[in-house]
Amino acid sequence: MTERVLEAVGICKSYGEGAARVDALKPTDFYVERGEFVMVAGPSGSGKSTLLAIISGLLTPTAGRVRVLDRDLDSMSRDTFDKFRLEHFGFVFQGFHLLPALSALEQVSIVLERQGLQRGPAHQRARATLEHVGLAGRLRNRPAELSGGEKQRVVIARALAKQPQLIFADEPTSALDSENGRQVTRMLRTATDEGATVVCVTHDPRLIEHATRVVRMEDGAVIPPEEPVMI
């Protein structure tokens, strides 16, 4: 039996009023089942990142509700949600968001320490995860000493090390060449075999083959499966 780990109903996001109103996301229903690798595809400006930000709790919708792991996001206080997100969510951003003064090992272990792990166990898990994504020889390197593909692997390791139930990825291959893009996508796909559920937004057609399900968007709305969309 399938289990929905995320369900959004009637979510939308608008900015401004009257003639100046912009609908970044039109009323949308969206769901994710446990173990899926859901790809949200569409051109730039189609509403993909807005959808991802809302379902991951980073952005409050104008209307609608989001339920994740049997919890309504809008029912939580900010502190409660921050703890919930830290425990259950992993994020992979296109801009890396790495701290320039920290090594790869520290980038990952600091998040685990925030989760409550002691420094020793946090470093052990961080090391093991970085080795898992092929960075055994780069543990002490800072971001300025890493390639784009290596930086993105650190970001993925940081997400995976938390052992999250959900991973949200926003254009994870946009700054990468084709080979690094394929490697990063395979890592995200493998995460579903290790217990995670992944939602990834992209306009990169190379990623589609790895998805278990593709949701296509255009002009702020989800397109029915039978209608074509350019990616």
Protein backbone atom coordinates (compact mmCIF):
# COMPACT_ATOMS: atom_id res chain seq x y z
CA MET A 1 0.00 0.00 0.00
CA THR A 2 1.34 3.42 -0.93
CA GLU A 3 1.75 6.14 1.68
CA ARG A 4 1.54 9.83 0.96
CA VAL A 5 4.30 11.61 2.84
CA LEU A 6 3.34 15.01 1.42
CA GLU A 7 0.04 16.41 0.22
CA ALA A 8 -0.75 19.96 -0.82
CA VAL A 9 -4.29 21.09 -1.57
CA GLY A 10 -5.22 24.30 -3.35
CA ILE A 11 -1.87 25.97 -2.79
CA CYS A 12 -1.18 29.21 -4.64
CA LYS A 13 1.08 32.23 -4.36
CA SER A 14 0.33 35.76 -5.52
CA TYR A 15 2.20 39.04 -5.20
CA GLY A 16 0.70 42.51 -5.42
CA GLU A 17 -2.91 43.52 -5.88
CA GLY A 18 -5.27 44.59 -8.65
CA ALA A 19 -3.67 45.19 -12.03
CA ALA A 20 -0.22 44.70 -10.46
CA ARG A 21 -1.06 41.23 -9.15
CA VAL A 22 1.24 38.45 -10.26
CA ASP A 23 0.24 34.79 -9.81
CA ALA A 24 3.54 32.97 -9.29
CA LEU A 25 1.64 29.74 -8.59
CA LYS A 26 -1.99 29.20 -9.54
CA PRO A 27 -4.20 26.97 -7.33
CA THR A 28 -2.49 23.59 -7.36
CA ASP A 29 -2.86 20.16 -5.78
CA PHE A 30 0.32 18.13 -5.35
CA TYR A 31 1.28 14.91 -3.61
CA VAL A 32 4.31 12.71 -3.04
CA GLU A 33 4.32 9.06 -2.01
CA ARG A 34 7.00 7.46 0.12
CA GLY A 35 10.06 6.33 -1.83
CA GLU A 36 9.30 8.35 -4.95
CA PHE A 37 11.75 10.47 -6.92
CA VAL A 38 9.36 13.11 -8.23
CA MET A 39 10.69 15.46 -10.89
CA VAL A 40 8.92 18.79 -11.32
CA ALA A 41 9.88 19.93 -14.82
CA GLY A 42 9.22 23.01 -16.88
CA PRO A 43 10.81 26.17 -18.29
CA SER A 44 12.19 29.00 -16.18
CA GLY A 45 9.37 31.02 -14.67
CA SER A 46 6.88 28.16 -14.75
CA GLY A 47 6.38 28.14 -10.96
CA LYS A 48 8.57 25.14 -10.12
CA SER A 49 10.69 26.81 -7.46
CA THR A 50 7.66 28.51 -5.91
CA LEU A 51 5.94 25.14 -5.62
CA LEU A 52 9.03 23.60 -4.02
CA ALA A 53 9.41 26.48 -1.57
CA ILE A 54 5.80 26.15 -0.45
CA ILE A 55 5.72 22.36 -0.01
CA SER A 56 9.01 22.48 1.92
CA GLY A 57 7.78 25.23 4.22
CA LEU A 58 10.25 27.86 3.05
CA LEU A 59 7.43 30.03 1.66
CA THR A 60 3.92 30.59 3.00
CA PRO A 61 1.19 30.12 0.37
CA THR A 62 -1.41 32.80 -0.27
CA ALA A 63 -4.03 30.08 0.11
CA GLY A 64 -4.19 26.31 0.49
CA ARG A 65 -2.65 23.88 2.92
CA VAL A 66 0.36 21.58 3.04
CA ARG A 67 0.51 18.38 5.09
CA VAL A 68 3.85 16.61 5.50
CA LEU A 69 4.42 13.40 7.47
CA ASP A 70 0.93 13.75 8.96
CA ARG A 71 1.59 17.30 10.16
CA ASP A 72 -0.05 20.47 8.85
CA LEU A 73 2.74 22.97 8.26
CA ASP A 74 0.56 25.99 8.98
CA SER A 75 -0.37 24.62 12.39
CA MET A 76 3.22 24.71 13.65
CA SER A 77 4.93 27.61 15.36
CA ARG A 78 8.13 28.84 13.71
CA ASP A 79 10.31 27.14 16.35
CA THR A 80 8.39 23.87 16.05
CA PHE A 81 8.66 23.92 12.28
CA ASP A 82 12.39 24.71 12.37
CA LYS A 83 12.94 21.61 14.53
CA PHE A 84 10.65 19.53 12.31
CA ARG A 85 12.52 20.65 9.18
CA LEU A 86 15.93 20.01 10.76
CA GLU A 87 14.92 16.48 11.72
CA HIS A 88 13.03 15.37 8.62
CA PHE A 89 14.10 17.50 5.61
CA GLY A 90 17.25 17.69 3.52
CA PHE A 91 17.86 20.46 0.98
CA VAL A 92 19.99 20.60 -2.17
CA PHE A 93 20.20 24.09 -3.67
CA GLN A 94 21.66 25.18 -6.99
CA GLY A 95 23.78 27.85 -5.27
CA PHE A 96 25.48 25.32 -2.92
CA HIS A 97 25.10 27.52 0.22
CA LEU A 98 28.41 26.33 1.69
CA LEU A 99 30.26 28.25 4.40
CA PRO A 100 33.59 29.42 2.90
CA ALA A 101 35.65 28.91 6.07
CA LEU A 102 34.59 25.30 6.70
CA SER A 103 36.01 22.11 5.24
CA ALA A 104 33.81 19.56 3.51
CA LEU A 105 33.82 17.46 6.68
CA GLU A 106 32.78 20.45 8.81
CA GLN A 107 30.04 21.48 6.35
CA VAL A 108 28.33 18.15 6.96
CA SER A 109 29.12 17.54 10.62
CA ILE A 110 27.93 20.96 11.80
CA VAL A 111 24.39 20.13 10.67
CA LEU A 112 24.51 16.81 12.51
CA GLU A 113 25.66 18.57 15.67
CA ARG A 114 22.69 20.91 15.34
CA GLN A 115 20.53 17.78 15.31
CA GLY A 116 21.98 16.84 18.68
CA LEU A 117 24.82 14.44 17.80
CA GLN A 118 28.04 14.75 19.76
CA ARG A 119 31.05 15.94 17.78
CA GLY A 120 32.69 12.50 17.52
CA PRO A 121 29.68 10.62 16.14
CA ALA A 122 28.81 13.61 13.93
CA HIS A 123 32.28 13.56 12.35
CA GLN A 124 32.12 9.80 11.87
CA ARG A 125 28.79 9.97 10.06
CA ALA A 126 29.89 13.00 8.04
CA ARG A 127 33.06 11.22 6.95
CA ALA A 128 31.17 8.08 5.96
CA THR A 129 28.62 10.06 3.94
CA LEU A 130 31.27 12.10 2.12
CA GLU A 131 33.09 8.89 1.27
CA HIS A 132 29.78 7.49 0.00
CA VAL A 133 29.47 10.36 -2.51
CA GLY A 134 33.09 9.95 -3.67
CA LEU A 135 34.84 12.65 -1.63
CA ALA A 136 37.09 10.54 0.57
CA GLY A 137 40.12 12.51 -0.58
CA ARG A 138 38.53 15.95 -0.18
CA LEU A 139 37.38 15.93 3.45
CA ARG A 140 39.68 18.79 4.50
CA ASN A 141 39.12 20.98 1.46
CA ARG A 142 37.19 24.23 1.72
CA PRO A 143 34.70 25.33 -0.98
CA ALA A 144 37.26 27.47 -2.82
CA GLU A 145 39.35 24.33 -3.30
CA LEU A 146 36.51 22.25 -4.75
CA SER A 147 35.08 22.04 -8.26
CA GLY A 148 31.40 22.73 -8.92
CA GLY A 149 30.63 19.03 -9.02
CA GLU A 150 32.49 18.44 -5.76
CA LYS A 151 30.66 21.29 -4.06
CA GLN A 152 27.33 19.83 -5.08
CA ARG A 153 28.38 16.43 -3.72
CA VAL A 154 29.14 18.11 -0.38
CA VAL A 155 25.65 19.62 -0.45
CA ILE A 156 24.15 16.19 -1.17
CA ALA A 157 26.23 14.61 1.59
CA ARG A 158 25.02 17.30 3.98
CA ALA A 159 21.43 16.41 3.10
CA LEU A 160 21.92 12.64 3.19
CA ALA A 161 23.88 12.57 6.45
CA LYS A 162 20.82 13.81 8.33
CA GLN A 163 19.03 10.65 7.16
CA PRO A 164 15.98 12.73 6.23
CA GLN A 165 12.64 11.38 5.17
CA LEU A 166 12.31 14.04 2.47
CA ILE A 167 14.92 15.68 0.24
CA PHE A 168 14.02 18.83 -1.70
CA ALA A 169 16.32 19.72 -4.60
CA ASP A 170 16.09 22.99 -6.54
CA GLU A 171 17.86 22.91 -9.93
CA PRO A 172 20.69 20.75 -8.51
CA THR A 173 22.49 20.38 -11.87
CA SER A 174 22.17 23.92 -13.23
CA ALA A 175 25.81 24.84 -12.53
CA LEU A 176 27.27 21.49 -13.56
CA ASP A 177 28.56 19.96 -16.78
CA SER A 178 26.79 16.94 -18.22
CA GLU A 179 28.89 14.27 -16.47
CA ASN A 180 28.70 15.90 -13.03
CA GLY A 181 25.00 16.51 -13.60
CA ARG A 182 24.42 12.83 -14.27
CA GLN A 183 26.42 11.81 -11.20
CA VAL A 184 24.49 14.18 -8.94
CA THR A 185 21.18 12.93 -10.32
CA ARG A 186 22.19 9.30 -9.76
CA MET A 187 23.07 10.15 -6.15
CA LEU A 188 19.65 11.65 -5.57
CA ARG A 189 17.98 8.65 -7.20
CA THR A 190 20.02 6.30 -5.02
CA ALA A 191 18.83 8.18 -1.93
CA THR A 192 15.35 6.76 -2.51
CA ASP A 193 16.82 3.25 -2.25
CA GLU A 194 18.19 4.25 1.16
CA GLY A 195 14.88 5.38 2.61
CA ALA A 196 14.45 8.95 1.43
CA THR A 197 11.76 10.48 -0.75
CA VAL A 198 13.01 13.09 -3.24
CA VAL A 199 11.29 16.05 -4.88
CA CYS A 200 13.44 17.77 -7.49
CA VAL A 201 12.62 20.78 -9.66
CA THR A 202 14.51 21.25 -12.91
CA HIS A 203 14.41 22.47 -16.49
CA ASP A 204 17.20 20.01 -17.36
CA PRO A 205 15.85 17.22 -19.61
CA ARG A 206 18.79 14.97 -18.67
CA LEU A 207 17.25 14.35 -15.26
CA ILE A 208 13.89 13.07 -16.46
CA GLU A 209 15.03 9.49 -17.07
CA HIS A 210 15.89 9.06 -13.39
CA ALA A 211 12.47 10.07 -12.06
CA THR A 212 9.82 7.65 -10.89
CA ARG A 213 7.22 10.29 -11.77
CA VAL A 214 7.35 13.59 -13.66
CA VAL A 215 5.09 16.56 -12.90
CA ARG A 216 5.20 19.18 -15.63
CA MET A 217 4.50 22.89 -15.13
CA GLU A 218 4.03 25.95 -17.28
CA ASP A 219 2.83 29.51 -16.54
CA GLY A 220 2.40 28.82 -12.83
CA ALA A 221 0.26 25.71 -13.21
CA VAL A 222 0.63 21.95 -13.38
CA ILE A 223 -0.05 20.63 -16.88
CA PRO A 224 -2.18 17.50 -17.29
CA PRO A 225 -0.06 14.48 -18.32
CA GLU A 226 -1.51 14.30 -21.82
CA GLU A 227 -0.54 17.88 -22.71
CA PRO A 228 3.01 18.58 -23.97
CA VAL A 229 5.33 21.11 -22.35
CA MET A 230 8.72 22.37 -23.38
CA ILE A 231 11.57 21.80 -20.96
